């Protein structure tokens, strides 16, 4: 993507990745300058029920934590440095629970959060198989290319799971 100033832009891939089946459940492609937190609502909207959700601090927001709790899941979203025990829930009771759990039980939190490395390994596999750029030039074509690559990666994973 080339901007009006002639600079090349980049796309950001947001995924909801199932750790058990090792497949992408939901995805969104946005401009590279878009913040992560607002996209989270779109990612999780189509998912029925959750058990547990791991996310980095880019997705940290009270409403996002409450959304996970409303879907029956336990949010494990890494806190930013400025969040402390006294941060107010502001209408999101799940926020208070998550903050207290992370601050009171850091070892238990890390024991679960360490599985986020599997999501990062997905991105590594994605980039190694398909490289870290898209060949299409038009934005709509770029999105379609990325969706096609994700579908192909999901199919490969499903075939691997059936062999075992």
N, C-alpha and C. Protein backbone atom coordinates (compact mmCIF):
# COMPACT_ATOMS: atom_id res chain seq x y z
N UNK A 1 0.85 -1.17 0.00
CA UNK A 1 0.00 0.00 0.00
C UNK A 1 0.89 1.24 0.00
N UNK A 2 0.65 2.12 -0.92
CA UNK A 2 1.42 3.35 -1.01
C UNK A 2 0.52 4.50 -0.60
N UNK A 3 1.00 5.32 0.32
CA UNK A 3 0.20 6.44 0.81
C UNK A 3 0.29 7.62 -0.15
N UNK A 4 -0.42 8.68 0.17
CA UNK A 4 -0.42 9.88 -0.67
C UNK A 4 0.96 10.52 -0.73
N UNK A 5 1.74 10.32 0.34
CA UNK A 5 3.07 10.90 0.38
C UNK A 5 4.09 10.03 -0.35
N UNK A 6 3.66 8.91 -0.89
CA UNK A 6 4.56 8.03 -1.61
C UNK A 6 5.26 7.01 -0.74
N UNK A 7 4.91 6.95 0.54
CA UNK A 7 5.52 5.99 1.45
C UNK A 7 4.76 4.67 1.41
N UNK A 8 5.49 3.60 1.56
CA UNK A 8 4.85 2.30 1.61
C UNK A 8 4.27 2.08 3.00
N UNK A 9 3.06 1.56 3.02
CA UNK A 9 2.43 1.24 4.29
C UNK A 9 2.56 -0.25 4.55
N UNK A 10 1.95 -0.68 5.62
CA UNK A 10 1.96 -2.10 5.90
C UNK A 10 0.62 -2.48 6.49
N UNK A 11 0.35 -3.77 6.47
CA UNK A 11 -0.90 -4.30 7.00
C UNK A 11 -0.62 -5.02 8.31
N UNK A 12 -1.62 -5.05 9.15
CA UNK A 12 -1.50 -5.73 10.42
C UNK A 12 -2.53 -6.85 10.45
N UNK A 13 -2.08 -8.03 10.82
CA UNK A 13 -2.95 -9.20 10.90
C UNK A 13 -3.29 -9.47 12.35
N UNK A 14 -4.57 -9.46 12.68
CA UNK A 14 -5.06 -9.76 14.02
C UNK A 14 -5.76 -11.10 13.95
N UNK A 15 -5.35 -12.05 14.79
CA UNK A 15 -5.97 -13.38 14.74
C UNK A 15 -6.43 -13.82 16.12
N UNK A 16 -7.48 -14.63 16.11
CA UNK A 16 -7.91 -15.36 17.29
C UNK A 16 -7.54 -16.80 17.00
N UNK A 17 -6.58 -17.32 17.73
CA UNK A 17 -5.96 -18.61 17.43
C UNK A 17 -6.36 -19.63 18.48
N UNK A 18 -6.87 -20.77 18.03
CA UNK A 18 -7.27 -21.85 18.93
C UNK A 18 -6.05 -22.69 19.25
N UNK A 19 -5.65 -22.74 20.51
CA UNK A 19 -4.44 -23.45 20.90
C UNK A 19 -4.61 -24.97 20.82
N UNK A 20 -5.82 -25.47 20.96
CA UNK A 20 -6.03 -26.92 20.92
C UNK A 20 -5.97 -27.45 19.50
N UNK A 21 -6.70 -26.83 18.58
CA UNK A 21 -6.72 -27.30 17.20
C UNK A 21 -5.61 -26.68 16.36
N UNK A 22 -4.94 -25.66 16.91
CA UNK A 22 -3.87 -24.94 16.22
C UNK A 22 -4.34 -24.33 14.90
N UNK A 23 -5.54 -23.78 14.92
CA UNK A 23 -6.09 -23.13 13.73
C UNK A 23 -6.56 -21.72 14.08
N UNK A 24 -6.69 -20.90 13.06
CA UNK A 24 -7.18 -19.53 13.23
C UNK A 24 -8.71 -19.58 13.22
N UNK A 25 -9.31 -19.06 14.26
CA UNK A 25 -10.76 -19.06 14.40
C UNK A 25 -11.37 -17.81 13.79
N UNK A 26 -10.69 -16.69 13.99
CA UNK A 26 -11.19 -15.41 13.50
C UNK A 26 -9.99 -14.54 13.14
N UNK A 27 -10.15 -13.70 12.12
CA UNK A 27 -9.05 -12.82 11.77
C UNK A 27 -9.57 -11.51 11.20
N UNK A 28 -8.76 -10.49 11.33
CA UNK A 28 -9.02 -9.18 10.76
C UNK A 28 -7.70 -8.64 10.23
N UNK A 29 -7.76 -7.99 9.11
CA UNK A 29 -6.59 -7.34 8.53
C UNK A 29 -6.88 -5.84 8.54
N UNK A 30 -5.96 -5.08 9.11
CA UNK A 30 -6.16 -3.63 9.21
C UNK A 30 -4.92 -2.92 8.68
N UNK A 31 -5.03 -1.61 8.55
CA UNK A 31 -3.86 -0.81 8.23
C UNK A 31 -2.87 -0.93 9.38
N UNK A 32 -1.62 -0.76 9.08
CA UNK A 32 -0.58 -0.93 10.09
C UNK A 32 -0.64 0.08 11.21
N UNK A 33 -1.25 1.23 10.98
CA UNK A 33 -1.31 2.26 12.01
C UNK A 33 -2.51 2.10 12.95
N UNK A 34 -3.37 1.13 12.70
CA UNK A 34 -4.57 0.92 13.52
C UNK A 34 -4.19 0.29 14.85
N UNK A 35 -4.80 0.77 15.93
CA UNK A 35 -4.54 0.21 17.25
C UNK A 35 -5.18 -1.16 17.38
N UNK A 36 -4.60 -1.99 18.24
CA UNK A 36 -5.08 -3.37 18.41
C UNK A 36 -6.38 -3.46 19.18
N UNK A 37 -6.52 -2.68 20.21
CA UNK A 37 -7.62 -2.83 21.15
C UNK A 37 -9.02 -2.74 20.52
N UNK A 38 -9.32 -1.77 19.64
CA UNK A 38 -10.66 -1.71 19.05
C UNK A 38 -10.98 -2.89 18.13
N UNK A 39 -9.97 -3.51 17.55
CA UNK A 39 -10.18 -4.63 16.63
C UNK A 39 -10.60 -5.88 17.39
N UNK A 40 -10.26 -5.94 18.66
CA UNK A 40 -10.54 -7.11 19.49
C UNK A 40 -12.03 -7.46 19.49
N UNK A 41 -12.89 -6.45 19.56
CA UNK A 41 -14.34 -6.68 19.59
C UNK A 41 -14.80 -7.40 18.33
N UNK A 42 -14.25 -7.02 17.18
CA UNK A 42 -14.60 -7.68 15.92
C UNK A 42 -14.10 -9.12 15.89
N UNK A 43 -12.93 -9.36 16.44
CA UNK A 43 -12.37 -10.71 16.46
C UNK A 43 -13.22 -11.68 17.27
N UNK A 44 -13.67 -11.22 18.40
CA UNK A 44 -14.34 -12.11 19.34
C UNK A 44 -15.85 -12.19 19.12
N UNK A 45 -16.39 -11.32 18.29
CA UNK A 45 -17.84 -11.23 18.09
C UNK A 45 -18.45 -12.55 17.62
N UNK A 46 -17.80 -13.23 16.68
CA UNK A 46 -18.37 -14.44 16.08
C UNK A 46 -18.13 -15.71 16.90
N UNK A 47 -17.33 -15.62 17.93
CA UNK A 47 -17.00 -16.80 18.74
C UNK A 47 -18.11 -17.04 19.75
N UNK A 48 -18.51 -18.30 19.89
CA UNK A 48 -19.59 -18.64 20.81
C UNK A 48 -19.17 -18.58 22.26
N UNK A 49 -18.42 -19.56 22.69
CA UNK A 49 -18.02 -19.66 24.09
C UNK A 49 -16.49 -19.79 24.16
N UNK A 50 -15.93 -19.18 25.18
CA UNK A 50 -14.49 -19.23 25.40
C UNK A 50 -14.18 -19.91 26.72
N UNK A 51 -13.02 -20.53 26.79
CA UNK A 51 -12.54 -21.05 28.07
C UNK A 51 -11.53 -20.07 28.67
N UNK A 52 -10.56 -19.73 27.85
CA UNK A 52 -9.45 -18.90 28.29
C UNK A 52 -8.96 -18.11 27.09
N UNK A 53 -8.54 -16.88 27.30
CA UNK A 53 -8.04 -16.07 26.19
C UNK A 53 -6.73 -15.42 26.59
N UNK A 54 -5.70 -15.65 25.78
CA UNK A 54 -4.38 -15.06 26.00
C UNK A 54 -4.16 -13.96 24.98
N UNK A 55 -3.72 -12.80 25.43
CA UNK A 55 -3.48 -11.69 24.51
C UNK A 55 -2.37 -10.81 25.06
N UNK A 56 -1.69 -10.11 24.16
CA UNK A 56 -0.65 -9.20 24.63
C UNK A 56 -1.27 -7.88 25.07
N UNK A 57 -0.45 -7.00 25.60
CA UNK A 57 -0.97 -5.77 26.20
C UNK A 57 -1.56 -4.80 25.18
N UNK A 58 -1.35 -5.03 23.90
CA UNK A 58 -1.96 -4.18 22.88
C UNK A 58 -3.48 -4.28 22.89
N UNK A 59 -4.00 -5.41 23.35
CA UNK A 59 -5.45 -5.64 23.39
C UNK A 59 -6.04 -5.31 24.76
N UNK A 60 -5.25 -4.75 25.65
CA UNK A 60 -5.70 -4.47 27.00
C UNK A 60 -6.68 -3.30 27.04
N UNK A 61 -7.90 -3.57 27.44
CA UNK A 61 -8.92 -2.55 27.66
C UNK A 61 -9.99 -3.18 28.55
N UNK A 62 -10.60 -2.37 29.37
CA UNK A 62 -11.61 -2.88 30.29
C UNK A 62 -12.75 -3.58 29.54
N UNK A 63 -13.21 -2.97 28.47
CA UNK A 63 -14.33 -3.55 27.72
C UNK A 63 -13.94 -4.89 27.09
N UNK A 64 -12.70 -5.01 26.65
CA UNK A 64 -12.25 -6.27 26.08
C UNK A 64 -12.21 -7.38 27.12
N UNK A 65 -11.73 -7.04 28.31
CA UNK A 65 -11.69 -8.02 29.40
C UNK A 65 -13.10 -8.46 29.76
N UNK A 66 -14.02 -7.50 29.81
CA UNK A 66 -15.41 -7.83 30.14
C UNK A 66 -16.06 -8.67 29.04
N UNK A 67 -15.72 -8.40 27.79
CA UNK A 67 -16.25 -9.20 26.67
C UNK A 67 -15.85 -10.66 26.80
N UNK A 68 -14.60 -10.90 27.16
CA UNK A 68 -14.13 -12.29 27.35
C UNK A 68 -14.89 -12.94 28.49
N UNK A 69 -15.05 -12.23 29.58
CA UNK A 69 -15.78 -12.77 30.73
C UNK A 69 -17.25 -13.04 30.38
N UNK A 70 -17.86 -12.18 29.58
CA UNK A 70 -19.25 -12.38 29.18
C UNK A 70 -19.42 -13.61 28.30
N UNK A 71 -18.36 -13.98 27.58
CA UNK A 71 -18.40 -15.18 26.74
C UNK A 71 -18.03 -16.44 27.53
N UNK A 72 -17.87 -16.29 28.84
CA UNK A 72 -17.58 -17.43 29.70
C UNK A 72 -16.10 -17.74 29.85
N UNK A 73 -15.24 -16.88 29.34
CA UNK A 73 -13.81 -17.14 29.38
C UNK A 73 -13.10 -16.39 30.49
N UNK A 74 -11.86 -16.82 30.72
CA UNK A 74 -11.00 -16.15 31.68
C UNK A 74 -9.95 -15.38 30.89
N UNK A 75 -9.89 -14.06 31.03
CA UNK A 75 -8.92 -13.27 30.26
C UNK A 75 -7.53 -13.30 30.89
N UNK A 76 -6.53 -13.59 30.08
CA UNK A 76 -5.13 -13.50 30.48
C UNK A 76 -4.47 -12.53 29.53
N UNK A 77 -4.65 -11.25 29.81
CA UNK A 77 -4.08 -10.19 28.98
C UNK A 77 -3.01 -9.50 29.81
N UNK A 78 -1.81 -9.48 29.29
CA UNK A 78 -0.70 -8.92 30.05
C UNK A 78 -0.94 -7.45 30.37
N UNK A 79 -0.74 -7.10 31.63
CA UNK A 79 -0.96 -5.73 32.07
C UNK A 79 0.18 -4.82 31.64
N UNK A 80 -0.15 -3.57 31.43
CA UNK A 80 0.87 -2.57 31.15
C UNK A 80 1.47 -2.12 32.47
N UNK A 81 2.60 -1.45 32.40
CA UNK A 81 3.31 -1.06 33.61
C UNK A 81 2.55 -0.07 34.48
N UNK A 82 1.68 0.74 33.87
CA UNK A 82 0.98 1.77 34.64
C UNK A 82 -0.28 1.26 35.33
N UNK A 83 -0.62 -0.02 35.17
CA UNK A 83 -1.80 -0.58 35.82
C UNK A 83 -1.39 -1.10 37.19
N UNK A 84 -2.11 -0.67 38.20
CA UNK A 84 -1.83 -1.17 39.55
C UNK A 84 -3.11 -1.68 40.20
N UNK A 85 -2.97 -2.13 41.42
CA UNK A 85 -4.08 -2.73 42.16
C UNK A 85 -5.25 -1.77 42.35
N UNK A 86 -4.97 -0.48 42.34
CA UNK A 86 -6.01 0.51 42.60
C UNK A 86 -6.72 1.00 41.34
N UNK A 87 -6.40 0.45 40.18
CA UNK A 87 -7.07 0.91 38.95
C UNK A 87 -8.54 0.53 39.02
N UNK A 88 -9.38 1.47 38.67
CA UNK A 88 -10.82 1.30 38.84
C UNK A 88 -11.41 0.47 37.70
N UNK A 89 -12.38 -0.39 38.03
CA UNK A 89 -12.98 -1.24 36.99
C UNK A 89 -13.89 -0.48 36.03
N UNK A 90 -14.45 0.64 36.43
CA UNK A 90 -15.32 1.48 35.59
C UNK A 90 -16.41 0.67 34.88
N UNK A 91 -17.15 -0.09 35.66
CA UNK A 91 -18.28 -0.84 35.10
C UNK A 91 -17.92 -2.19 34.52
N UNK A 92 -16.69 -2.60 34.68
CA UNK A 92 -16.25 -3.91 34.15
C UNK A 92 -15.67 -4.73 35.31
N UNK A 93 -16.51 -5.50 35.99
CA UNK A 93 -16.02 -6.25 37.15
C UNK A 93 -14.93 -7.28 36.81
N UNK A 94 -14.91 -7.79 35.61
CA UNK A 94 -13.88 -8.76 35.23
C UNK A 94 -12.49 -8.12 35.24
N UNK A 95 -12.43 -6.82 35.00
CA UNK A 95 -11.16 -6.09 35.02
C UNK A 95 -10.49 -6.21 36.38
N UNK A 96 -11.27 -5.97 37.41
CA UNK A 96 -10.75 -6.01 38.77
C UNK A 96 -10.22 -7.40 39.11
N UNK A 97 -10.97 -8.44 38.71
CA UNK A 97 -10.55 -9.81 38.97
C UNK A 97 -9.25 -10.14 38.25
N UNK A 98 -9.14 -9.72 36.99
CA UNK A 98 -7.94 -10.03 36.21
C UNK A 98 -6.72 -9.32 36.79
N UNK A 99 -6.88 -8.06 37.14
CA UNK A 99 -5.75 -7.29 37.68
C UNK A 99 -5.29 -7.89 39.00
N UNK A 100 -6.23 -8.21 39.86
CA UNK A 100 -5.86 -8.80 41.15
C UNK A 100 -5.17 -10.14 40.98
N UNK A 101 -5.68 -10.96 40.07
CA UNK A 101 -5.07 -12.28 39.86
C UNK A 101 -3.63 -12.13 39.39
N UNK A 102 -3.38 -11.24 38.43
CA UNK A 102 -2.03 -11.07 37.92
C UNK A 102 -1.08 -10.53 38.97
N UNK A 103 -1.55 -9.59 39.77
CA UNK A 103 -0.68 -8.98 40.77
C UNK A 103 -0.50 -9.86 42.00
N UNK A 104 -1.54 -10.61 42.38
CA UNK A 104 -1.45 -11.46 43.56
C UNK A 104 -0.80 -12.81 43.27
N UNK A 105 -0.94 -13.31 42.06
CA UNK A 105 -0.43 -14.64 41.71
C UNK A 105 0.37 -14.59 40.40
N UNK A 106 1.50 -13.91 40.40
CA UNK A 106 2.26 -13.76 39.15
C UNK A 106 2.76 -15.10 38.59
N UNK A 107 3.08 -16.04 39.44
CA UNK A 107 3.56 -17.35 38.95
C UNK A 107 2.46 -18.12 38.24
N UNK A 108 1.27 -18.11 38.83
CA UNK A 108 0.14 -18.80 38.20
C UNK A 108 -0.20 -18.15 36.86
N UNK A 109 -0.15 -16.82 36.84
CA UNK A 109 -0.42 -16.11 35.59
C UNK A 109 0.59 -16.50 34.51
N UNK A 110 1.87 -16.50 34.86
CA UNK A 110 2.91 -16.85 33.89
C UNK A 110 2.79 -18.30 33.43
N UNK A 111 2.32 -19.17 34.32
CA UNK A 111 2.17 -20.58 33.96
C UNK A 111 1.15 -20.75 32.83
N UNK A 112 0.14 -19.90 32.79
CA UNK A 112 -0.85 -19.95 31.71
C UNK A 112 -0.40 -19.09 30.53
N UNK A 113 0.11 -17.91 30.82
CA UNK A 113 0.45 -16.94 29.77
C UNK A 113 1.59 -17.43 28.88
N UNK A 114 2.39 -18.36 29.39
CA UNK A 114 3.53 -18.85 28.60
C UNK A 114 3.09 -19.54 27.32
N UNK A 115 1.84 -19.98 27.24
CA UNK A 115 1.34 -20.64 26.04
C UNK A 115 1.12 -19.65 24.89
N UNK A 116 1.25 -18.36 25.17
CA UNK A 116 1.13 -17.37 24.11
C UNK A 116 2.24 -17.52 23.08
N UNK A 117 3.31 -18.18 23.45
CA UNK A 117 4.40 -18.44 22.52
C UNK A 117 3.92 -19.29 21.34
N UNK A 118 2.88 -20.08 21.53
CA UNK A 118 2.31 -20.87 20.44
C UNK A 118 1.67 -19.96 19.39
N UNK A 119 1.08 -18.88 19.83
CA UNK A 119 0.50 -17.91 18.89
C UNK A 119 1.62 -17.23 18.11
N UNK A 120 2.68 -16.87 18.80
CA UNK A 120 3.82 -16.25 18.12
C UNK A 120 4.45 -17.23 17.14
N UNK A 121 4.46 -18.52 17.49
CA UNK A 121 5.02 -19.50 16.56
C UNK A 121 4.14 -19.62 15.32
N UNK A 122 2.82 -19.41 15.48
CA UNK A 122 1.94 -19.40 14.31
C UNK A 122 2.37 -18.29 13.34
N UNK A 123 2.62 -17.11 13.86
CA UNK A 123 3.05 -16.00 13.01
C UNK A 123 4.40 -16.31 12.35
N UNK A 124 5.28 -16.98 13.08
CA UNK A 124 6.56 -17.36 12.52
C UNK A 124 6.39 -18.35 11.38
N UNK A 125 5.51 -19.34 11.55
CA UNK A 125 5.24 -20.32 10.50
C UNK A 125 4.59 -19.63 9.30
N UNK A 126 3.65 -18.73 9.59
CA UNK A 126 2.97 -17.99 8.52
C UNK A 126 3.99 -17.23 7.66
N UNK A 127 4.90 -16.53 8.32
CA UNK A 127 5.88 -15.74 7.58
C UNK A 127 6.91 -16.62 6.87
N UNK A 128 7.24 -17.76 7.46
CA UNK A 128 8.23 -18.63 6.80
C UNK A 128 7.64 -19.32 5.58
N UNK A 129 6.36 -19.67 5.62
CA UNK A 129 5.73 -20.33 4.47
C UNK A 129 5.35 -19.34 3.38
N UNK A 130 4.86 -18.18 3.78
CA UNK A 130 4.30 -17.24 2.80
C UNK A 130 5.07 -15.92 2.71
N UNK A 131 6.19 -15.83 3.39
CA UNK A 131 6.99 -14.60 3.44
C UNK A 131 6.22 -13.50 4.15
N UNK A 132 6.87 -12.40 4.41
CA UNK A 132 6.21 -11.35 5.20
C UNK A 132 5.73 -10.19 4.33
N UNK A 133 5.34 -10.48 3.10
CA UNK A 133 4.77 -9.44 2.25
C UNK A 133 3.68 -10.06 1.38
N UNK A 134 2.87 -9.20 0.81
CA UNK A 134 1.82 -9.66 -0.10
C UNK A 134 2.18 -9.20 -1.51
N UNK A 135 1.77 -9.98 -2.48
CA UNK A 135 2.13 -9.69 -3.87
C UNK A 135 1.13 -8.74 -4.54
N UNK A 136 -0.10 -8.74 -4.06
CA UNK A 136 -1.13 -7.89 -4.67
C UNK A 136 -0.88 -6.42 -4.36
N UNK A 137 -1.42 -5.57 -5.20
CA UNK A 137 -1.21 -4.13 -5.02
C UNK A 137 -2.45 -3.41 -4.51
N UNK A 138 -3.62 -3.88 -4.88
CA UNK A 138 -4.85 -3.23 -4.45
C UNK A 138 -5.22 -3.70 -3.05
N UNK A 139 -5.72 -2.81 -2.21
CA UNK A 139 -6.05 -3.19 -0.83
C UNK A 139 -7.01 -4.38 -0.73
N UNK A 140 -8.06 -4.39 -1.54
CA UNK A 140 -9.02 -5.50 -1.48
C UNK A 140 -8.34 -6.81 -1.87
N UNK A 141 -7.48 -6.77 -2.84
CA UNK A 141 -6.75 -7.97 -3.26
C UNK A 141 -5.77 -8.42 -2.18
N UNK A 142 -5.17 -7.47 -1.49
CA UNK A 142 -4.24 -7.80 -0.41
C UNK A 142 -4.96 -8.58 0.69
N UNK A 143 -6.14 -8.08 1.07
CA UNK A 143 -6.92 -8.75 2.11
C UNK A 143 -7.29 -10.15 1.68
N UNK A 144 -7.72 -10.30 0.42
CA UNK A 144 -8.10 -11.61 -0.10
C UNK A 144 -6.90 -12.56 -0.11
N UNK A 145 -5.74 -12.06 -0.48
CA UNK A 145 -4.54 -12.89 -0.48
C UNK A 145 -4.21 -13.40 0.92
N UNK A 146 -4.31 -12.52 1.90
CA UNK A 146 -4.00 -12.91 3.28
C UNK A 146 -5.03 -13.93 3.78
N UNK A 147 -6.32 -13.69 3.50
CA UNK A 147 -7.35 -14.65 3.91
C UNK A 147 -7.09 -16.02 3.28
N UNK A 148 -6.72 -16.04 2.00
CA UNK A 148 -6.43 -17.30 1.33
C UNK A 148 -5.26 -18.04 1.97
N UNK A 149 -4.23 -17.30 2.35
CA UNK A 149 -3.08 -17.92 3.02
C UNK A 149 -3.46 -18.51 4.37
N UNK A 150 -4.32 -17.81 5.11
CA UNK A 150 -4.77 -18.32 6.41
C UNK A 150 -5.61 -19.58 6.22
N UNK A 151 -6.48 -19.60 5.23
CA UNK A 151 -7.29 -20.78 4.96
C UNK A 151 -6.39 -21.97 4.62
N UNK A 152 -5.38 -21.73 3.81
CA UNK A 152 -4.45 -22.79 3.44
C UNK A 152 -3.70 -23.31 4.66
N UNK A 153 -3.26 -22.42 5.53
CA UNK A 153 -2.56 -22.83 6.74
C UNK A 153 -3.48 -23.64 7.65
N UNK A 154 -4.75 -23.23 7.75
CA UNK A 154 -5.72 -23.99 8.55
C UNK A 154 -5.93 -25.39 7.97
N UNK A 155 -6.04 -25.48 6.66
CA UNK A 155 -6.21 -26.79 6.02
C UNK A 155 -5.01 -27.70 6.28
N UNK A 156 -3.83 -27.16 6.17
CA UNK A 156 -2.62 -27.94 6.45
C UNK A 156 -2.65 -28.47 7.87
N UNK A 157 -3.05 -27.61 8.81
CA UNK A 157 -3.09 -28.02 10.22
C UNK A 157 -4.16 -29.09 10.47
N UNK A 158 -5.31 -28.96 9.84
CA UNK A 158 -6.39 -29.95 10.01
C UNK A 158 -5.92 -31.31 9.47
N UNK A 159 -5.24 -31.31 8.34
CA UNK A 159 -4.72 -32.57 7.76
C UNK A 159 -3.68 -33.18 8.71
N UNK A 160 -2.82 -32.37 9.28
CA UNK A 160 -1.83 -32.88 10.24
C UNK A 160 -2.51 -33.49 11.46
N UNK A 161 -3.57 -32.84 11.94
CA UNK A 161 -4.28 -33.34 13.13
C UNK A 161 -4.98 -34.67 12.83
N UNK A 162 -5.47 -34.86 11.59
CA UNK A 162 -6.15 -36.09 11.24
C UNK A 162 -5.17 -37.25 11.11
N UNK A 163 -3.92 -36.97 10.74
CA UNK A 163 -2.92 -38.02 10.61
C UNK A 163 -2.49 -38.57 11.96
N UNK A 164 -2.56 -37.75 13.00
CA UNK A 164 -2.12 -38.19 14.33
C UNK A 164 -3.21 -38.82 15.12
